[in-house]
Structures are given as structure tokens and as C-alpha cells.
Amino acid sequence: MDKILVAGVNTVVGANLAEALSGQHSVVGVSFGSKVHLPTCSTESETPRKSAAVLEMLQRLQPSRMILCGAGAESSWNESQRPQSADVSLSKVWIDAAHQVGCRLTLISSDAIFTGPWMFHAENSHSICPSGESKHLQQIEQYATAKSADALIVRTHAIGWQAGSQHGWLETLLTELERGTIGSVDFARHGTPMLASDLADILQKSWESGLVGTHHIAGAERISPREFAMRMAGHFRLPAPATPIAGSLVDRSTGFGCGETSLQTRKIRRALGIPLPLLDESLDRLYQQHLSGYRARMSGQTAVSRVA
């Protein structure tokens, strides 16, 4: 059993990875934002900000592995969360500390490093998004690679329930679906989303196989946010929402996460000899998490929404 430090449990990916991995490992979480209390694993009460304090925390906890869930650990469809220059500095501090204590590093990065027109970007794709946010993520990846030869860099598009009382992107979408509408949801951008708890299973297999370097771990299907919303409504037993008539796409979408970010996963599938989940499989498990009370526990509540 490893002792795993999940740095960034305030993110969707961080919180769900911490919960999913706590059944097999001793997991400790650190939040980079508001305090988060998770159902089955412990979280540090304070978040160190300075390099010396971060190093002191890692020396005290002595994790064998750290998962860094920073700027890249949110869905690129969540427009309220965008990487900033401060995220680069923060990530470097935690990467440095992991290196100094000899802790194996897994960095969660984002599919939004890429853009169109090409689909299903391989790890060495040259269709890099020119946005400042993408450049921040690239800087973090490059620093992690330079600092730790055995670092595992995971680009993904993971979705899941938000920890804490605040609604995340997914909860907001479900609320809209319950009301029978999704407003003007983007039909142009496309990605390959997967459930964050499914990502945890593949990370476990990756560690057991000793994988290092950059790997794409994402869902097996390419889909737009608009079609995702329609599919999610079906899985949650909700009527198809009313949607505005979409106009034609004249110019290619530009901006961070606004274009074609779908990921090719051939490298990880060959390395582990496994398939990646279809979207319907992920949505089925997401719905079961809702029914089982997992979603309510993540939010710190005992009640669930009226979807049944």
C-alpha cells in the first residue's frame, strides 16, 4: 500500500481521485482553494504557500507518491476555471518539493493544450493551442519532465462531482437539464471526456506497470458539450432538453479549450493492454454515483436531487 498525497483536492479530478484511491492506499489531500472535507480520506487543515513550508509538509507526511492536480485538473469545458501564471509558480513549488523528498510524481494535465483542426491528438501532436492558458500548462509539463525523469504526465479530460458545497460545471449542467433546457451549449468544440474515478483505475495500472513520461488517458468517444448534455439527460432519466437552434460554423473556434481537444489514447492502451471506457459506460457510473449517495457525500450533504 502506497501513501499518496493528492495536491489539489479542491479540483474535480483531485477530489475524485483521492476518494477512488483511498480504498487501496493511504491517501492525504491538500486543497489549493477552499477547504475540502472528503468522506473516506483525510485532508490537511492548512495549505502551505511557501517553498519551505511545502517541503516541510512532504517531509512530515513522507508520501511515496504525489498526484499534482492543479491548473490542468478541471474539465476544459469549465470556462470558470482557466490556468494562470500563478498556477505555474505554484506547480513548480510542489514539483520541487516532491523531487527533494524522493516522492514519485504524477502530474494531471489537460487536453486543452491542443486545438484543431486535427482530431484525436497523439502525445507528440503539433496542433498546440496558442493561448496563454495552454502555454502555462506546457510550462508546468516541461518543468515536471525536467525535474523528475520518472514523472508520469497524464493529459486527460476527466469529469466528476465537485467536492464541497459549491456546484461545479457538471452539477450546474444537471440543474439546467432538470429544468428542461441547457441554454446555448457549444456544439463546435469536441473532446474525449471520461469519469475521474475511471481515471483512478487506469492510474493504478500505470503505476503498477512502471509507466513514465507523457500519456493520454481519456474516454473512447469524441463528443461536443451539446451532445454530451443530451446523452447525460438520457442517462439521468430526464427528457431531452430544449436547445436553441445552432448556427453554422464559419470560422474555426479559437481560445483555450474552445476547439478540437480530443485525445488519441493508443499509447496507453498498448502499454497496459486495456480499452478505454465508452461515454455511455462513464455516464452509467456517474448516474450510479448519484443514486448511491456518492455525490451527496462528496458535497457534504445527506440529500440528493430530485432525479431518480
C-alpha atoms as a PDB file:
ATOM      1  CA  MET A   1       0.000   0.000   0.000  1.00  0.00           C
ATOM      2  CA  ASP A   2       1.361   3.387  -1.040  1.00  0.00           C
ATOM      3  CA  LYS A   3       0.925   6.601   0.879  1.00  0.00           C
ATOM      4  CA  ILE A   4      -0.398   9.056  -1.702  1.00  0.00           C
ATOM      5  CA  LEU A   5      -0.588  12.809  -1.385  1.00  0.00           C
ATOM      6  CA  VAL A   6      -3.199  14.370  -3.668  1.00  0.00           C
ATOM      7  CA  ALA A   7      -2.264  18.030  -4.033  1.00  0.00           C
ATOM      8  CA  GLY A   8      -5.297  19.938  -5.289  1.00  0.00           C
ATOM      9  CA  VAL A   9      -8.320  18.094  -3.835  1.00  0.00           C
ATOM     10  CA  ASN A  10     -10.362  21.243  -4.443  1.00  0.00           C
ATOM     11  CA  THR A  11     -10.376  20.296  -8.141  1.00  0.00           C
ATOM     12  CA  VAL A  12     -12.855  17.798  -9.561  1.00  0.00           C
ATOM     13  CA  VAL A  13     -10.104  15.415 -10.617  1.00  0.00           C
ATOM     14  CA  GLY A  14      -8.193  15.717  -7.345  1.00  0.00           C
ATOM     15  CA  ALA A  15     -11.209  15.071  -5.117  1.00  0.00           C
ATOM     16  CA  ASN A  16     -12.468  12.082  -7.092  1.00  0.00           C
ATOM     17  CA  LEU A  17      -9.003  10.541  -7.429  1.00  0.00           C
ATOM     18  CA  ALA A  18      -8.482  10.858  -3.674  1.00  0.00           C
ATOM     19  CA  GLU A  19     -11.787   9.131  -2.959  1.00  0.00           C
ATOM     20  CA  ALA A  20     -11.307   6.385  -5.542  1.00  0.00           C
ATOM     21  CA  LEU A  21      -7.749   5.572  -4.452  1.00  0.00           C
ATOM     22  CA  SER A  22      -8.453   5.627  -0.714  1.00  0.00           C
ATOM     23  CA  GLY A  23      -9.818   2.093  -0.858  1.00  0.00           C
ATOM     24  CA  GLN A  24      -6.389   0.700  -1.767  1.00  0.00           C
ATOM     25  CA  HIS A  25      -3.974   3.272  -0.381  1.00  0.00           C
ATOM     26  CA  SER A  26      -3.427   5.668   2.477  1.00  0.00           C
ATOM     27  CA  VAL A  27      -4.452   8.976   0.900  1.00  0.00           C
ATOM     28  CA  VAL A  28      -3.960  12.502   2.214  1.00  0.00           C
ATOM     29  CA  GLY A  29      -5.387  15.520   0.434  1.00  0.00           C
ATOM     30  CA  VAL A  30      -4.265  19.146   0.280  1.00  0.00           C
ATOM     31  CA  SER A  31      -6.545  21.853  -1.088  1.00  0.00           C
ATOM     32  CA  PHE A  32      -5.266  24.768  -3.171  1.00  0.00           C
ATOM     33  CA  GLY A  33      -8.535  26.643  -2.657  1.00  0.00           C
ATOM     34  CA  SER A  34     -11.351  26.478  -0.137  1.00  0.00           C
ATOM     35  CA  LYS A  35     -11.157  23.723   2.461  1.00  0.00           C
ATOM     36  CA  VAL A  36     -12.473  20.359   1.316  1.00  0.00           C
ATOM     37  CA  HIS A  37     -13.616  17.505   3.547  1.00  0.00           C
ATOM     38  CA  LEU A  38     -13.776  14.131   1.821  1.00  0.00           C
ATOM     39  CA  PRO A  39     -15.792  11.134   3.039  1.00  0.00           C
ATOM     40  CA  THR A  40     -13.096   8.447   3.217  1.00  0.00           C
ATOM     41  CA  CYS A  41      -9.687  10.113   3.241  1.00  0.00           C
ATOM     42  CA  SER A  42      -8.035  12.749   5.391  1.00  0.00           C
ATOM     43  CA  THR A  43      -7.199  16.290   4.314  1.00  0.00           C
ATOM     44  CA  GLU A  44      -4.638  18.681   5.718  1.00  0.00           C
ATOM     45  CA  SER A  45      -6.163  21.569   7.669  1.00  0.00           C
ATOM     46  CA  GLU A  46      -3.701  24.119   6.290  1.00  0.00           C
ATOM     47  CA  THR A  47      -2.299  24.719   2.819  1.00  0.00           C
ATOM     48  CA  PRO A  48       1.371  25.735   2.779  1.00  0.00           C
ATOM     49  CA  ARG A  49       2.168  28.551   0.376  1.00  0.00           C
ATOM     50  CA  LYS A  50       5.934  28.999   0.575  1.00  0.00           C
ATOM     51  CA  SER A  51       8.540  26.565  -0.705  1.00  0.00           C
ATOM     52  CA  ALA A  52       9.966  25.809   2.742  1.00  0.00           C
ATOM     53  CA  ALA A  53       6.524  25.074   4.184  1.00  0.00           C
ATOM     54  CA  VAL A  54       5.602  22.770   1.296  1.00  0.00           C
ATOM     55  CA  LEU A  55       8.859  20.871   1.698  1.00  0.00           C
ATOM     56  CA  GLU A  56       8.286  20.617   5.451  1.00  0.00           C
ATOM     57  CA  MET A  57       4.813  19.143   4.857  1.00  0.00           C
ATOM     58  CA  LEU A  58       6.131  16.493   2.481  1.00  0.00           C
ATOM     59  CA  GLN A  59       8.940  15.630   4.878  1.00  0.00           C
ATOM     60  CA  ARG A  60       6.375  15.201   7.644  1.00  0.00           C
ATOM     61  CA  LEU A  61       3.893  13.154   5.603  1.00  0.00           C
ATOM     62  CA  GLN A  62       6.522  11.105   3.735  1.00  0.00           C
ATOM     63  CA  PRO A  63       4.273  10.135   0.781  1.00  0.00           C
ATOM     64  CA  SER A  64       5.658   7.592  -1.645  1.00  0.00           C
ATOM     65  CA  ARG A  65       3.688   9.199  -4.473  1.00  0.00           C
ATOM     66  CA  MET A  66       2.205  12.625  -5.167  1.00  0.00           C
ATOM     67  CA  ILE A  67      -0.569  13.427  -7.654  1.00  0.00           C
ATOM     68  CA  LEU A  68      -0.415  17.105  -8.584  1.00  0.00           C
ATOM     69  CA  CYS A  69      -3.904  18.280  -9.556  1.00  0.00           C
ATOM     70  CA  GLY A  70      -3.504  21.938 -10.343  1.00  0.00           C
ATOM     71  CA  ALA A  71      -4.373  24.052 -13.338  1.00  0.00           C
ATOM     72  CA  GLY A  72      -4.960  21.079 -15.644  1.00  0.00           C
ATOM     73  CA  ALA A  73      -7.247  19.130 -13.321  1.00  0.00           C
ATOM     74  CA  GLU A  74     -10.560  20.668 -14.392  1.00  0.00           C
ATOM     75  CA  SER A  75     -12.623  19.968 -17.484  1.00  0.00           C
ATOM     76  CA  SER A  76     -11.573  22.279 -20.309  1.00  0.00           C
ATOM     77  CA  TRP A  77     -15.315  22.847 -20.851  1.00  0.00           C
ATOM     78  CA  ASN A  78     -15.486  24.550 -17.444  1.00  0.00           C
ATOM     79  CA  GLU A  79     -14.983  28.139 -18.500  1.00  0.00           C
ATOM     80  CA  SER A  80     -14.868  29.402 -14.924  1.00  0.00           C
ATOM     81  CA  GLN A  81     -11.531  27.638 -14.385  1.00  0.00           C
ATOM     82  CA  ARG A  82      -8.586  28.762 -16.507  1.00  0.00           C
ATOM     83  CA  PRO A  83      -4.828  28.276 -15.907  1.00  0.00           C
ATOM     84  CA  GLN A  84      -2.997  31.423 -14.846  1.00  0.00           C
ATOM     85  CA  SER A  85       0.641  32.381 -14.468  1.00  0.00           C
ATOM     86  CA  ALA A  86       0.337  31.909 -10.691  1.00  0.00           C
ATOM     87  CA  ASP A  87      -0.506  28.244 -11.328  1.00  0.00           C
ATOM     88  CA  VAL A  88       2.895  27.777 -12.959  1.00  0.00           C
ATOM     89  CA  SER A  89       4.706  29.125  -9.899  1.00  0.00           C
ATOM     90  CA  LEU A  90       2.576  27.052  -7.526  1.00  0.00           C
ATOM     91  CA  SER A  91       3.148  23.858  -9.502  1.00  0.00           C
ATOM     92  CA  LYS A  92       6.911  24.405  -9.578  1.00  0.00           C
ATOM     93  CA  VAL A  93       6.985  24.676  -5.775  1.00  0.00           C
ATOM     94  CA  TRP A  94       5.233  21.317  -5.345  1.00  0.00           C
ATOM     95  CA  ILE A  95       7.261  19.631  -8.083  1.00  0.00           C
ATOM     96  CA  ASP A  96      10.471  20.839  -6.427  1.00  0.00           C
ATOM     97  CA  ALA A  97       9.357  19.527  -3.029  1.00  0.00           C
ATOM     98  CA  ALA A  98       8.435  16.116  -4.454  1.00  0.00           C
ATOM     99  CA  HIS A  99      11.850  15.901  -6.091  1.00  0.00           C
ATOM    100  CA  GLN A 100      13.658  16.810  -2.882  1.00  0.00           C
ATOM    101  CA  VAL A 101      11.929  14.142  -0.779  1.00  0.00           C
ATOM    102  CA  GLY A 102      12.194  11.481  -3.491  1.00  0.00           C
ATOM    103  CA  CYS A 103       8.444  11.251  -3.987  1.00  0.00           C
ATOM    104  CA  ARG A 104       7.218   9.830  -7.324  1.00  0.00           C
ATOM    105  CA  LEU A 105       5.244  12.430  -9.244  1.00  0.00           C
ATOM    106  CA  THR A 106       2.069  12.087 -11.293  1.00  0.00           C
ATOM    107  CA  LEU A 107       1.027  15.357 -12.935  1.00  0.00           C
ATOM    108  CA  ILE A 108      -2.542  15.781 -14.158  1.00  0.00           C
ATOM    109  CA  SER A 109      -2.606  17.963 -17.260  1.00  0.00           C
ATOM    110  CA  SER A 110      -5.287  18.881 -19.782  1.00  0.00           C
ATOM    111  CA  ASP A 111      -6.419  18.071 -23.297  1.00  0.00           C
ATOM    112  CA  ALA A 112      -6.806  21.843 -23.832  1.00  0.00           C
ATOM    113  CA  ILE A 113      -3.108  22.072 -24.619  1.00  0.00           C
ATOM    114  CA  PHE A 114      -4.309  21.147 -28.120  1.00  0.00           C
ATOM    115  CA  THR A 115      -6.644  22.663 -30.684  1.00  0.00           C
ATOM    116  CA  GLY A 116      -7.979  21.843 -34.174  1.00  0.00           C
ATOM    117  CA  PRO A 117      -8.333  21.276 -36.970  1.00  0.00           C
ATOM    118  CA  TRP A 118      -6.987  17.753 -36.407  1.00  0.00           C
ATOM    119  CA  MET A 119      -8.870  15.219 -34.312  1.00  0.00           C
ATOM    120  CA  PHE A 120      -7.522  12.723 -31.768  1.00  0.00           C
ATOM    121  CA  HIS A 121      -4.210  14.318 -30.858  1.00  0.00           C
ATOM    122  CA  ALA A 122      -1.324  11.976 -30.138  1.00  0.00           C
ATOM    123  CA  GLU A 123       1.174  12.760 -27.390  1.00  0.00           C
ATOM    124  CA  ASN A 124       3.524  14.377 -29.951  1.00  0.00           C
ATOM    125  CA  SER A 125       0.816  16.313 -31.827  1.00  0.00           C
ATOM    126  CA  HIS A 126       1.904  19.703 -33.158  1.00  0.00           C
ATOM    127  CA  SER A 127      -1.616  21.184 -33.108  1.00  0.00           C
ATOM    128  CA  ILE A 128      -0.851  23.184 -29.980  1.00  0.00           C
ATOM    129  CA  CYS A 129      -3.308  25.809 -28.813  1.00  0.00           C
ATOM    130  CA  PRO A 130      -1.586  29.238 -28.984  1.00  0.00           C
ATOM    131  CA  SER A 131      -3.476  30.643 -25.969  1.00  0.00           C
ATOM    132  CA  GLY A 132      -1.692  31.880 -22.876  1.00  0.00           C
ATOM    133  CA  GLU A 133      -3.514  29.295 -20.763  1.00  0.00           C
ATOM    134  CA  SER A 134      -2.158  26.475 -22.920  1.00  0.00           C
ATOM    135  CA  LYS A 135       1.347  27.892 -22.616  1.00  0.00           C
ATOM    136  CA  HIS A 136       1.027  27.844 -18.819  1.00  0.00           C
ATOM    137  CA  LEU A 137       0.176  24.136 -18.904  1.00  0.00           C
ATOM    138  CA  GLN A 138       3.052  23.432 -21.265  1.00  0.00           C
ATOM    139  CA  GLN A 139       5.457  25.182 -18.891  1.00  0.00           C
ATOM    140  CA  ILE A 140       4.248  23.044 -15.993  1.00  0.00           C
ATOM    141  CA  GLU A 141       4.616  19.836 -18.019  1.00  0.00           C
ATOM    142  CA  GLN A 142       8.100  20.798 -19.186  1.00  0.00           C
ATOM    143  CA  TYR A 143       9.226  21.645 -15.664  1.00  0.00           C
ATOM    144  CA  ALA A 144       7.911  18.353 -14.274  1.00  0.00           C
ATOM    145  CA  THR A 145       9.684  16.404 -17.011  1.00  0.00           C
ATOM    146  CA  ALA A 146      12.958  18.250 -16.499  1.00  0.00           C
ATOM    147  CA  LYS A 147      12.835  17.866 -12.720  1.00  0.00           C
ATOM    148  CA  SER A 148      11.782  14.216 -12.499  1.00  0.00           C
ATOM    149  CA  ALA A 149      12.864  11.668 -15.070  1.00  0.00           C
ATOM    150  CA  ASP A 150      10.351   9.195 -13.617  1.00  0.00           C
ATOM    151  CA  ALA A 151       7.392  11.597 -13.614  1.00  0.00           C
ATOM    152  CA  LEU A 152       4.137  10.427 -15.179  1.00  0.00           C
ATOM    153  CA  ILE A 153       2.432  13.242 -17.113  1.00  0.00           C
ATOM    154  CA  VAL A 154      -1.246  12.493 -17.760  1.00  0.00           C
ATOM    155  CA  ARG A 155      -3.247  14.578 -20.216  1.00  0.00           C
ATOM    156  CA  THR A 156      -6.946  13.953 -19.767  1.00  0.00           C
ATOM    157  CA  HIS A 157     -10.464  15.354 -19.862  1.00  0.00           C
ATOM    158  CA  ALA A 158     -11.895  13.976 -16.646  1.00  0.00           C
ATOM    159  CA  ILE A 159     -15.339  14.796 -15.303  1.00  0.00           C
ATOM    160  CA  GLY A 160     -16.954  14.107 -11.945  1.00  0.00           C
ATOM    161  CA  TRP A 161     -18.796  15.515  -8.963  1.00  0.00           C
ATOM    162  CA  GLN A 162     -17.436  18.606  -7.238  1.00  0.00           C
ATOM    163  CA  ALA A 163     -16.352  18.237  -3.613  1.00  0.00           C
ATOM    164  CA  GLY A 164     -17.803  20.747  -1.154  1.00  0.00           C
ATOM    165  CA  SER A 165     -20.936  22.848  -1.133  1.00  0.00           C
ATOM    166  CA  GLN A 166     -20.267  24.794  -4.330  1.00  0.00           C
ATOM    167  CA  HIS A 167     -21.712  23.494  -7.588  1.00  0.00           C
ATOM    168  CA  GLY A 168     -19.226  22.591 -10.268  1.00  0.00           C
ATOM    169  CA  TRP A 169     -19.659  22.538 -14.035  1.00  0.00           C
ATOM    170  CA  LEU A 170     -21.344  19.122 -14.017  1.00  0.00           C
ATOM    171  CA  GLU A 171     -23.795  19.967 -11.214  1.00  0.00           C
ATOM    172  CA  THR A 172     -24.752  23.197 -12.974  1.00  0.00           C
ATOM    173  CA  LEU A 173     -25.428  21.305 -16.197  1.00  0.00           C
ATOM    174  CA  LEU A 174     -27.593  18.768 -14.371  1.00  0.00           C
ATOM    175  CA  THR A 175     -29.618  21.562 -12.741  1.00  0.00           C
ATOM    176  CA  GLU A 176     -30.278  23.014 -16.191  1.00  0.00           C
ATOM    177  CA  LEU A 177     -31.295  19.599 -17.510  1.00  0.00           C
ATOM    178  CA  GLU A 178     -33.727  19.171 -14.616  1.00  0.00           C
ATOM    179  CA  ARG A 179     -35.312  22.465 -15.711  1.00  0.00           C
ATOM    180  CA  GLY A 180     -35.653  21.168 -19.243  1.00  0.00           C
ATOM    181  CA  THR A 181     -33.155  23.405 -21.001  1.00  0.00           C
ATOM    182  CA  ILE A 182     -29.419  23.726 -21.488  1.00  0.00           C
ATOM    183  CA  GLY A 183     -29.295  27.187 -22.998  1.00  0.00           C
ATOM    184  CA  SER A 184     -26.706  27.873 -25.665  1.00  0.00           C
ATOM    185  CA  VAL A 185     -24.351  24.931 -25.217  1.00  0.00           C
ATOM    186  CA  ASP A 186     -21.364  24.772 -27.544  1.00  0.00           C
ATOM    187  CA  PHE A 187     -21.691  22.363 -30.472  1.00  0.00           C
ATOM    188  CA  ALA A 188     -18.337  23.206 -32.106  1.00  0.00           C
ATOM    189  CA  ARG A 189     -15.698  22.164 -29.589  1.00  0.00           C
ATOM    190  CA  HIS A 190     -15.070  18.452 -29.128  1.00  0.00           C
ATOM    191  CA  GLY A 191     -13.258  16.426 -26.500  1.00  0.00           C
ATOM    192  CA  THR A 192     -12.970  12.886 -25.151  1.00  0.00           C
ATOM    193  CA  PRO A 193     -14.327  13.039 -21.581  1.00  0.00           C
ATOM    194  CA  MET A 194     -14.084  10.211 -19.066  1.00  0.00           C
ATOM    195  CA  LEU A 195     -15.134   9.757 -15.443  1.00  0.00           C
ATOM    196  CA  ALA A 196     -12.474  10.772 -12.920  1.00  0.00           C
ATOM    197  CA  SER A 197     -12.978   7.591 -10.886  1.00  0.00           C
ATOM    198  CA  ASP A 198     -12.300   5.594 -14.067  1.00  0.00           C
ATOM    199  CA  LEU A 199      -9.092   7.590 -14.444  1.00  0.00           C
ATOM    200  CA  ALA A 200      -8.084   6.436 -10.958  1.00  0.00           C
ATOM    201  CA  ASP A 201      -8.270   2.779 -12.023  1.00  0.00           C
ATOM    202  CA  ILE A 202      -6.030   3.413 -15.028  1.00  0.00           C
ATOM    203  CA  LEU A 203      -3.548   5.402 -12.954  1.00  0.00           C
ATOM    204  CA  GLN A 204      -3.264   2.442 -10.596  1.00  0.00           C
ATOM    205  CA  LYS A 205      -2.476   0.131 -13.529  1.00  0.00           C
ATOM    206  CA  SER A 206       0.013   2.673 -14.911  1.00  0.00           C
ATOM    207  CA  TRP A 207       1.924   2.795 -11.616  1.00  0.00           C
ATOM    208  CA  GLU A 208       1.970  -0.997 -11.368  1.00  0.00           C
ATOM    209  CA  SER A 209       3.428  -1.135 -14.890  1.00  0.00           C
ATOM    210  CA  GLY A 210       6.053   1.491 -14.067  1.00  0.00           C
ATOM    211  CA  LEU A 211       4.946   3.915 -16.785  1.00  0.00           C
ATOM    212  CA  VAL A 212       6.715   7.265 -17.000  1.00  0.00           C
ATOM    213  CA  GLY A 213       6.610  10.142 -19.466  1.00  0.00           C
ATOM    214  CA  THR A 214       3.570  11.673 -21.145  1.00  0.00           C
ATOM    215  CA  HIS A 215       0.438   9.594 -21.725  1.00  0.00           C
ATOM    216  CA  HIS A 216      -3.068  10.457 -22.849  1.00  0.00           C
ATOM    217  CA  ILE A 217      -5.799   8.886 -20.701  1.00  0.00           C
ATOM    218  CA  ALA A 218      -9.272   9.843 -21.872  1.00  0.00           C
ATOM    219  CA  GLY A 219     -12.593   8.457 -22.995  1.00  0.00           C
ATOM    220  CA  ALA A 220     -13.005   6.397 -26.153  1.00  0.00           C
ATOM    221  CA  GLU A 221     -15.558   8.735 -27.759  1.00  0.00           C
ATOM    222  CA  ARG A 222     -15.256  12.201 -29.250  1.00  0.00           C
ATOM    223  CA  ILE A 223     -18.201  14.448 -28.365  1.00  0.00           C
ATOM    224  CA  SER A 224     -19.270  18.101 -28.118  1.00  0.00           C
ATOM    225  CA  PRO A 225     -20.642  19.692 -24.920  1.00  0.00           C
ATOM    226  CA  ARG A 226     -24.049  19.944 -26.606  1.00  0.00           C
ATOM    227  CA  GLU A 227     -24.222  16.232 -27.439  1.00  0.00           C
ATOM    228  CA  PHE A 228     -22.761  15.380 -24.018  1.00  0.00           C
ATOM    229  CA  ALA A 229     -25.659  17.234 -22.374  1.00  0.00           C
ATOM    230  CA  MET A 230     -28.190  15.340 -24.488  1.00  0.00           C
ATOM    231  CA  ARG A 231     -26.596  11.981 -23.613  1.00  0.00           C
ATOM    232  CA  MET A 232     -26.422  12.896 -19.921  1.00  0.00           C
ATOM    233  CA  ALA A 233     -30.136  13.748 -19.900  1.00  0.00           C
ATOM    234  CA  GLY A 234     -30.910  10.272 -21.218  1.00  0.00           C
ATOM    235  CA  HIS A 235     -28.804   8.528 -18.584  1.00  0.00           C
ATOM    236  CA  PHE A 236     -30.373  10.585 -15.786  1.00  0.00           C
ATOM    237  CA  ARG A 237     -33.898   9.690 -16.972  1.00  0.00           C
ATOM    238  CA  LEU A 238     -34.641  13.298 -17.945  1.00  0.00           C
ATOM    239  CA  PRO A 239     -36.463  14.491 -21.061  1.00  0.00           C
ATOM    240  CA  ALA A 240     -34.403  15.791 -23.948  1.00  0.00           C
ATOM    241  CA  PRO A 241     -33.793  19.472 -23.201  1.00  0.00           C
ATOM    242  CA  ALA A 242     -34.959  22.318 -25.396  1.00  0.00           C
ATOM    243  CA  THR A 243     -31.954  23.827 -27.128  1.00  0.00           C
ATOM    244  CA  PRO A 244     -31.545  26.931 -29.285  1.00  0.00           C
ATOM    245  CA  ILE A 245     -31.113  26.365 -32.997  1.00  0.00           C
ATOM    246  CA  ALA A 246     -27.386  26.252 -33.669  1.00  0.00           C
ATOM    247  CA  GLY A 247     -25.956  28.477 -36.357  1.00  0.00           C
ATOM    248  CA  SER A 248     -23.407  27.375 -38.901  1.00  0.00           C
ATOM    249  CA  LEU A 249     -19.732  27.425 -38.019  1.00  0.00           C
ATOM    250  CA  VAL A 250     -17.979  29.830 -40.383  1.00  0.00           C
ATOM    251  CA  ASP A 251     -14.628  30.294 -38.675  1.00  0.00           C
ATOM    252  CA  ARG A 252     -12.634  27.753 -36.707  1.00  0.00           C
ATOM    253  CA  SER A 253     -13.147  28.054 -32.952  1.00  0.00           C
ATOM    254  CA  THR A 254     -10.232  29.651 -31.131  1.00  0.00           C
ATOM    255  CA  GLY A 255      -9.276  30.047 -27.489  1.00  0.00           C
ATOM    256  CA  PHE A 256      -8.365  27.747 -24.622  1.00  0.00           C
ATOM    257  CA  GLY A 257     -10.478  24.600 -24.752  1.00  0.00           C
ATOM    258  CA  CYS A 258     -12.665  26.063 -27.490  1.00  0.00           C
ATOM    259  CA  GLY A 259     -11.556  23.891 -30.386  1.00  0.00           C
ATOM    260  CA  GLU A 260     -10.768  20.246 -31.088  1.00  0.00           C
ATOM    261  CA  THR A 261      -9.110  18.772 -27.985  1.00  0.00           C
ATOM    262  CA  SER A 262      -9.920  15.078 -28.463  1.00  0.00           C
ATOM    263  CA  LEU A 263      -7.068  12.802 -27.379  1.00  0.00           C
ATOM    264  CA  GLN A 264      -5.659   9.727 -29.069  1.00  0.00           C
ATOM    265  CA  THR A 265      -5.098   7.012 -26.451  1.00  0.00           C
ATOM    266  CA  ARG A 266      -3.273   4.354 -28.473  1.00  0.00           C
ATOM    267  CA  LYS A 267      -0.077   4.687 -26.399  1.00  0.00           C
ATOM    268  CA  ILE A 268      -1.697   3.945 -23.025  1.00  0.00           C
ATOM    269  CA  ARG A 269      -3.924   1.201 -24.465  1.00  0.00           C
ATOM    270  CA  ARG A 270      -0.929  -0.599 -25.914  1.00  0.00           C
ATOM    271  CA  ALA A 271       1.159  -0.114 -22.784  1.00  0.00           C
ATOM    272  CA  LEU A 272      -1.493  -1.559 -20.471  1.00  0.00           C
ATOM    273  CA  GLY A 273      -3.393  -3.827 -22.881  1.00  0.00           C
ATOM    274  CA  ILE A 274      -6.742  -2.324 -21.903  1.00  0.00           C
ATOM    275  CA  PRO A 275      -9.605  -0.489 -23.630  1.00  0.00           C
ATOM    276  CA  LEU A 276     -10.689   2.987 -22.551  1.00  0.00           C
ATOM    277  CA  PRO A 277     -14.288   3.499 -21.392  1.00  0.00           C
ATOM    278  CA  LEU A 278     -17.067   4.470 -23.761  1.00  0.00           C
ATOM    279  CA  LEU A 279     -19.022   7.572 -22.814  1.00  0.00           C
ATOM    280  CA  ASP A 280     -22.165   5.589 -22.020  1.00  0.00           C
ATOM    281  CA  GLU A 281     -20.162   3.481 -19.553  1.00  0.00           C
ATOM    282  CA  SER A 282     -18.867   6.602 -17.812  1.00  0.00           C
ATOM    283  CA  LEU A 283     -22.326   8.187 -17.723  1.00  0.00           C
ATOM    284  CA  ASP A 284     -23.836   4.971 -16.309  1.00  0.00           C
ATOM    285  CA  ARG A 285     -21.304   5.035 -13.479  1.00  0.00           C
ATOM    286  CA  LEU A 286     -21.869   8.755 -12.943  1.00  0.00           C
ATOM    287  CA  TYR A 287     -25.600   8.104 -12.565  1.00  0.00           C
ATOM    288  CA  GLN A 288     -24.934   5.251 -10.128  1.00  0.00           C
ATOM    289  CA  GLN A 289     -22.729   7.574  -8.078  1.00  0.00           C
ATOM    290  CA  HIS A 290     -25.706   9.917  -7.930  1.00  0.00           C
ATOM    291  CA  LEU A 291     -28.110   7.177  -6.831  1.00  0.00           C
ATOM    292  CA  SER A 292     -25.747   5.574  -4.313  1.00  0.00           C
ATOM    293  CA  GLY A 293     -25.218   8.789  -2.357  1.00  0.00           C
ATOM    294  CA  TYR A 294     -21.630   9.228  -3.520  1.00  0.00           C
ATOM    295  CA  ARG A 295     -22.473  12.636  -4.969  1.00  0.00           C
ATOM    296  CA  ALA A 296     -24.197  13.730  -1.755  1.00  0.00           C
ATOM    297  CA  ARG A 297     -21.261  12.580   0.365  1.00  0.00           C
ATOM    298  CA  MET A 298     -18.819  14.485  -1.829  1.00  0.00           C
ATOM    299  CA  SER A 299     -20.856  17.657  -1.342  1.00  0.00           C
ATOM    300  CA  GLY A 300     -21.092  17.112   2.405  1.00  0.00           C
ATOM    301  CA  GLN A 301     -24.883  16.684   2.246  1.00  0.00           C
ATOM    302  CA  THR A 302     -27.195  13.808   3.008  1.00  0.00           C
ATOM    303  CA  ALA A 303     -29.891  14.586   0.445  1.00  0.00           C
ATOM    304  CA  VAL A 304     -29.750  14.075  -3.290  1.00  0.00           C
ATOM    305  CA  SER A 305     -31.506  15.981  -6.048  1.00  0.00           C
ATOM    306  CA  ARG A 306     -34.926  15.009  -7.353  1.00  0.00           C
ATOM    307  CA  VAL A 307     -33.518  12.965 -10.249  1.00  0.00           C
ATOM    308  CA  ALA A 308     -34.377   9.300  -9.653  1.00  0.00           C
END
